[in-house]
Amino acid sequence: MQLKKELGKNIQKYRKLNKITQEKLAEIIGVEINSISSIETGKYFPSPENLIKIANALNTNISNLFYFKEDCSCDDYIEEINRNIKLLANDKTKLESINNFIKQII
């Protein structure tokens, strides 16, 4: 895995999910549009300061930008789901919603 390319793909994915153009993202973080293009294609790695700005502009956290999916087994998905559910351990409303969703799909 090439870190710069995988990071670039994630930045592009979150940018598109937020319906932000490369031009707008460049404007928000204060860089040239060529810099965003180079980051998304894996040519350059953003500075730590710009990485924080990118994550904020894309309404996500830095760890999500570095989360790279590979081929996952069923056990991998179960482990990830369990980790995520533990994050909601004190939120009964969200846990109830998740439980109802699971019941609907099984």
N, C-alpha and C. Protein backbone atom coordinates (compact mmCIF):
# COMPACT_ATOMS: atom_id res chain seq x y z
N MET A 1 0.85 -1.18 0.00
CA MET A 1 0.00 0.00 0.00
C MET A 1 0.89 1.24 0.00
N GLN A 2 0.53 2.19 -0.82
CA GLN A 2 1.26 3.45 -0.86
C GLN A 2 0.46 4.48 -0.08
N LEU A 3 1.01 4.91 1.03
CA LEU A 3 0.31 5.81 1.95
C LEU A 3 -0.20 7.06 1.26
N LYS A 4 0.64 7.71 0.48
CA LYS A 4 0.22 8.96 -0.16
C LYS A 4 -0.96 8.74 -1.10
N LYS A 5 -0.94 7.65 -1.86
CA LYS A 5 -2.05 7.39 -2.79
C LYS A 5 -3.34 7.05 -2.06
N GLU A 6 -3.24 6.24 -1.01
CA GLU A 6 -4.44 5.87 -0.25
C GLU A 6 -5.02 7.09 0.47
N LEU A 7 -4.16 7.92 1.04
CA LEU A 7 -4.62 9.14 1.68
C LEU A 7 -5.30 10.04 0.65
N GLY A 8 -4.69 10.18 -0.51
CA GLY A 8 -5.26 11.01 -1.57
C GLY A 8 -6.64 10.52 -2.00
N LYS A 9 -6.80 9.21 -2.11
CA LYS A 9 -8.11 8.64 -2.47
C LYS A 9 -9.16 8.98 -1.42
N ASN A 10 -8.77 8.87 -0.15
CA ASN A 10 -9.72 9.19 0.92
C ASN A 10 -10.09 10.67 0.94
N ILE A 11 -9.11 11.51 0.74
CA ILE A 11 -9.40 12.95 0.69
C ILE A 11 -10.37 13.24 -0.45
N GLN A 12 -10.12 12.64 -1.60
CA GLN A 12 -11.02 12.83 -2.73
C GLN A 12 -12.42 12.29 -2.42
N LYS A 13 -12.49 11.13 -1.79
CA LYS A 13 -13.79 10.54 -1.44
C LYS A 13 -14.58 11.47 -0.52
N TYR A 14 -13.94 11.95 0.54
CA TYR A 14 -14.63 12.84 1.48
C TYR A 14 -14.96 14.18 0.84
N ARG A 15 -14.10 14.65 -0.05
CA ARG A 15 -14.38 15.91 -0.74
C ARG A 15 -15.64 15.77 -1.60
N LYS A 16 -15.74 14.67 -2.32
CA LYS A 16 -16.91 14.44 -3.17
C LYS A 16 -18.17 14.21 -2.33
N LEU A 17 -18.03 13.50 -1.21
CA LEU A 17 -19.18 13.29 -0.33
C LEU A 17 -19.73 14.61 0.18
N ASN A 18 -18.84 15.58 0.39
CA ASN A 18 -19.24 16.89 0.87
C ASN A 18 -19.57 17.85 -0.27
N LYS A 19 -19.50 17.35 -1.50
CA LYS A 19 -19.82 18.14 -2.69
C LYS A 19 -18.99 19.42 -2.75
N ILE A 20 -17.69 19.25 -2.51
CA ILE A 20 -16.74 20.36 -2.56
C ILE A 20 -15.81 20.12 -3.75
N THR A 21 -15.60 21.13 -4.55
CA THR A 21 -14.67 21.01 -5.67
C THR A 21 -13.24 21.13 -5.15
N GLN A 22 -12.30 20.72 -5.99
CA GLN A 22 -10.88 20.92 -5.64
C GLN A 22 -10.59 22.39 -5.45
N GLU A 23 -11.19 23.22 -6.29
CA GLU A 23 -10.98 24.67 -6.19
C GLU A 23 -11.45 25.21 -4.84
N LYS A 24 -12.63 24.78 -4.43
CA LYS A 24 -13.18 25.26 -3.17
C LYS A 24 -12.34 24.78 -1.99
N LEU A 25 -11.93 23.50 -2.02
CA LEU A 25 -11.09 22.98 -0.94
C LEU A 25 -9.77 23.73 -0.86
N ALA A 26 -9.18 24.01 -2.02
CA ALA A 26 -7.94 24.78 -2.05
C ALA A 26 -8.14 26.16 -1.43
N GLU A 27 -9.25 26.79 -1.76
CA GLU A 27 -9.58 28.11 -1.22
C GLU A 27 -9.74 28.04 0.31
N ILE A 28 -10.45 27.03 0.78
CA ILE A 28 -10.72 26.89 2.23
C ILE A 28 -9.42 26.73 3.02
N ILE A 29 -8.51 25.91 2.49
CA ILE A 29 -7.29 25.65 3.28
C ILE A 29 -6.13 26.58 2.92
N GLY A 30 -6.33 27.39 1.87
CA GLY A 30 -5.33 28.40 1.54
C GLY A 30 -4.14 27.89 0.75
N VAL A 31 -4.42 27.01 -0.23
CA VAL A 31 -3.36 26.52 -1.11
C VAL A 31 -3.81 26.65 -2.56
N GLU A 32 -2.90 26.40 -3.47
CA GLU A 32 -3.23 26.41 -4.89
C GLU A 32 -4.00 25.14 -5.24
N ILE A 33 -4.85 25.24 -6.25
CA ILE A 33 -5.63 24.07 -6.68
C ILE A 33 -4.72 22.92 -7.10
N ASN A 34 -3.56 23.23 -7.68
CA ASN A 34 -2.62 22.18 -8.10
C ASN A 34 -2.16 21.35 -6.90
N SER A 35 -2.10 21.98 -5.74
CA SER A 35 -1.70 21.26 -4.53
C SER A 35 -2.73 20.20 -4.17
N ILE A 36 -4.01 20.55 -4.27
CA ILE A 36 -5.07 19.58 -3.96
C ILE A 36 -5.02 18.43 -4.95
N SER A 37 -4.85 18.73 -6.21
CA SER A 37 -4.76 17.70 -7.24
C SER A 37 -3.58 16.77 -6.96
N SER A 38 -2.44 17.35 -6.60
CA SER A 38 -1.25 16.55 -6.33
C SER A 38 -1.41 15.69 -5.08
N ILE A 39 -2.13 16.20 -4.10
CA ILE A 39 -2.39 15.42 -2.88
C ILE A 39 -3.33 14.26 -3.22
N GLU A 40 -4.40 14.53 -3.96
CA GLU A 40 -5.38 13.50 -4.27
C GLU A 40 -4.81 12.40 -5.17
N THR A 41 -3.85 12.73 -5.99
CA THR A 41 -3.26 11.71 -6.86
C THR A 41 -2.08 10.99 -6.18
N GLY A 42 -1.74 11.42 -4.98
CA GLY A 42 -0.67 10.75 -4.25
C GLY A 42 0.72 11.23 -4.61
N LYS A 43 0.80 12.34 -5.31
CA LYS A 43 2.11 12.87 -5.69
C LYS A 43 2.78 13.55 -4.50
N TYR A 44 1.98 14.26 -3.71
CA TYR A 44 2.50 14.97 -2.54
C TYR A 44 1.70 14.62 -1.30
N PHE A 45 2.36 14.72 -0.17
CA PHE A 45 1.73 14.52 1.13
C PHE A 45 1.48 15.89 1.74
N PRO A 46 0.27 16.15 2.26
CA PRO A 46 0.02 17.48 2.84
C PRO A 46 0.80 17.69 4.14
N SER A 47 1.10 18.93 4.43
CA SER A 47 1.77 19.24 5.70
C SER A 47 0.80 18.91 6.83
N PRO A 48 1.31 18.71 8.04
CA PRO A 48 0.41 18.44 9.17
C PRO A 48 -0.65 19.53 9.35
N GLU A 49 -0.25 20.79 9.17
CA GLU A 49 -1.20 21.89 9.32
C GLU A 49 -2.31 21.80 8.27
N ASN A 50 -1.92 21.52 7.03
CA ASN A 50 -2.91 21.42 5.96
C ASN A 50 -3.77 20.17 6.11
N LEU A 51 -3.20 19.12 6.65
CA LEU A 51 -3.98 17.90 6.88
C LEU A 51 -5.11 18.18 7.87
N ILE A 52 -4.83 18.94 8.91
CA ILE A 52 -5.86 19.33 9.88
C ILE A 52 -6.92 20.18 9.19
N LYS A 53 -6.48 21.15 8.38
CA LYS A 53 -7.43 22.01 7.66
C LYS A 53 -8.30 21.19 6.70
N ILE A 54 -7.68 20.23 6.02
CA ILE A 54 -8.43 19.39 5.08
C ILE A 54 -9.50 18.60 5.82
N ALA A 55 -9.11 17.95 6.91
CA ALA A 55 -10.07 17.16 7.68
C ALA A 55 -11.23 18.03 8.16
N ASN A 56 -10.92 19.21 8.67
CA ASN A 56 -11.97 20.13 9.14
C ASN A 56 -12.88 20.56 7.99
N ALA A 57 -12.29 20.88 6.86
CA ALA A 57 -13.08 21.32 5.70
C ALA A 57 -13.99 20.20 5.19
N LEU A 58 -13.56 18.96 5.38
CA LEU A 58 -14.33 17.82 4.88
C LEU A 58 -15.22 17.20 5.96
N ASN A 59 -15.35 17.90 7.07
CA ASN A 59 -16.23 17.46 8.16
C ASN A 59 -15.92 16.04 8.62
N THR A 60 -14.65 15.74 8.77
CA THR A 60 -14.24 14.43 9.27
C THR A 60 -13.04 14.62 10.17
N ASN A 61 -12.54 13.53 10.71
CA ASN A 61 -11.33 13.64 11.52
C ASN A 61 -10.17 13.01 10.76
N ILE A 62 -8.99 13.32 11.20
CA ILE A 62 -7.79 12.86 10.49
C ILE A 62 -7.74 11.33 10.44
N SER A 63 -8.17 10.68 11.50
CA SER A 63 -8.08 9.22 11.51
C SER A 63 -8.91 8.61 10.37
N ASN A 64 -10.04 9.22 10.02
CA ASN A 64 -10.83 8.71 8.90
C ASN A 64 -10.08 8.84 7.58
N LEU A 65 -9.28 9.87 7.45
CA LEU A 65 -8.51 10.04 6.22
C LEU A 65 -7.44 8.96 6.08
N PHE A 66 -7.02 8.41 7.21
CA PHE A 66 -5.99 7.37 7.21
C PHE A 66 -6.57 5.97 7.39
N TYR A 67 -7.87 5.84 7.26
CA TYR A 67 -8.50 4.53 7.37
C TYR A 67 -8.62 3.93 5.98
N PHE A 68 -7.81 2.92 5.73
CA PHE A 68 -7.76 2.32 4.40
C PHE A 68 -8.38 0.93 4.43
N LYS A 69 -9.43 0.77 3.66
CA LYS A 69 -10.11 -0.52 3.56
C LYS A 69 -9.34 -1.43 2.62
N GLU A 70 -9.11 -2.61 3.09
CA GLU A 70 -8.59 -3.66 2.24
C GLU A 70 -9.65 -4.75 2.19
N ASP A 71 -9.38 -5.82 1.53
CA ASP A 71 -10.34 -6.91 1.50
C ASP A 71 -10.55 -7.41 2.92
N CYS A 72 -11.77 -7.28 3.40
CA CYS A 72 -12.10 -7.65 4.77
C CYS A 72 -12.88 -8.95 4.81
N SER A 73 -12.59 -9.73 5.82
CA SER A 73 -13.35 -10.96 6.04
C SER A 73 -14.57 -10.63 6.89
N CYS A 74 -15.47 -11.58 7.03
CA CYS A 74 -16.63 -11.39 7.89
C CYS A 74 -16.19 -11.09 9.31
N ASP A 75 -15.17 -11.79 9.79
CA ASP A 75 -14.67 -11.54 11.14
C ASP A 75 -14.14 -10.12 11.29
N ASP A 76 -13.50 -9.60 10.24
CA ASP A 76 -13.01 -8.22 10.27
C ASP A 76 -14.17 -7.24 10.42
N TYR A 77 -15.26 -7.49 9.69
CA TYR A 77 -16.42 -6.61 9.78
C TYR A 77 -17.07 -6.69 11.16
N ILE A 78 -17.17 -7.89 11.70
CA ILE A 78 -17.75 -8.06 13.04
C ILE A 78 -16.92 -7.31 14.07
N GLU A 79 -15.61 -7.41 13.96
CA GLU A 79 -14.73 -6.71 14.89
C GLU A 79 -14.89 -5.19 14.77
N GLU A 80 -14.97 -4.70 13.55
CA GLU A 80 -15.15 -3.25 13.33
C GLU A 80 -16.50 -2.78 13.86
N ILE A 81 -17.54 -3.54 13.60
CA ILE A 81 -18.88 -3.19 14.09
C ILE A 81 -18.89 -3.15 15.62
N ASN A 82 -18.28 -4.14 16.24
CA ASN A 82 -18.22 -4.17 17.70
C ASN A 82 -17.45 -2.97 18.26
N ARG A 83 -16.35 -2.60 17.62
CA ARG A 83 -15.59 -1.41 18.06
C ARG A 83 -16.46 -0.17 17.98
N ASN A 84 -17.19 -0.04 16.88
CA ASN A 84 -18.03 1.15 16.70
C ASN A 84 -19.18 1.18 17.69
N ILE A 85 -19.77 0.03 17.96
CA ILE A 85 -20.87 -0.02 18.92
C ILE A 85 -20.38 0.34 20.33
N LYS A 86 -19.19 -0.08 20.68
CA LYS A 86 -18.64 0.26 22.00
C LYS A 86 -18.50 1.77 22.17
N LEU A 87 -18.28 2.47 21.06
CA LEU A 87 -18.18 3.93 21.12
C LEU A 87 -19.52 4.57 21.51
N LEU A 88 -20.60 3.82 21.30
CA LEU A 88 -21.94 4.33 21.60
C LEU A 88 -22.51 3.73 22.88
N ALA A 89 -21.66 3.16 23.71
CA ALA A 89 -22.11 2.41 24.88
C ALA A 89 -23.05 3.20 25.79
N ASN A 90 -22.94 4.50 25.82
CA ASN A 90 -23.76 5.31 26.72
C ASN A 90 -24.89 6.05 26.00
N ASP A 91 -25.13 5.71 24.75
CA ASP A 91 -26.16 6.40 23.98
C ASP A 91 -27.27 5.42 23.61
N LYS A 92 -28.22 5.28 24.50
CA LYS A 92 -29.30 4.30 24.33
C LYS A 92 -30.09 4.54 23.04
N THR A 93 -30.34 5.79 22.71
CA THR A 93 -31.13 6.11 21.52
C THR A 93 -30.45 5.61 20.25
N LYS A 94 -29.16 5.87 20.12
CA LYS A 94 -28.43 5.42 18.93
C LYS A 94 -28.32 3.90 18.90
N LEU A 95 -28.08 3.30 20.06
CA LEU A 95 -28.00 1.84 20.10
C LEU A 95 -29.33 1.21 19.70
N GLU A 96 -30.43 1.79 20.15
CA GLU A 96 -31.74 1.29 19.77
C GLU A 96 -31.96 1.42 18.27
N SER A 97 -31.54 2.53 17.69
CA SER A 97 -31.67 2.74 16.24
C SER A 97 -30.85 1.71 15.47
N ILE A 98 -29.64 1.47 15.92
CA ILE A 98 -28.78 0.48 15.27
C ILE A 98 -29.41 -0.90 15.37
N ASN A 99 -29.91 -1.24 16.53
CA ASN A 99 -30.53 -2.54 16.74
C ASN A 99 -31.74 -2.71 15.81
N ASN A 100 -32.56 -1.68 15.70
CA ASN A 100 -33.74 -1.75 14.83
C ASN A 100 -33.31 -1.90 13.36
N PHE A 101 -32.25 -1.20 12.97
CA PHE A 101 -31.75 -1.31 11.61
C PHE A 101 -31.28 -2.74 11.32
N ILE A 102 -30.53 -3.28 12.25
CA ILE A 102 -30.03 -4.66 12.07
C ILE A 102 -31.19 -5.63 11.94
N LYS A 103 -32.20 -5.46 12.77
CA LYS A 103 -33.37 -6.35 12.70
C LYS A 103 -34.05 -6.26 11.34
N GLN A 104 -34.04 -5.08 10.73
CA GLN A 104 -34.69 -4.90 9.43
C GLN A 104 -33.94 -5.61 8.30
N ILE A 105 -32.63 -5.70 8.43
CA ILE A 105 -31.86 -6.26 7.31
C ILE A 105 -31.61 -7.76 7.45
N ILE A 106 -31.93 -8.33 8.63
CA ILE A 106 -31.74 -9.79 8.76
C ILE A 106 -33.01 -10.57 8.63
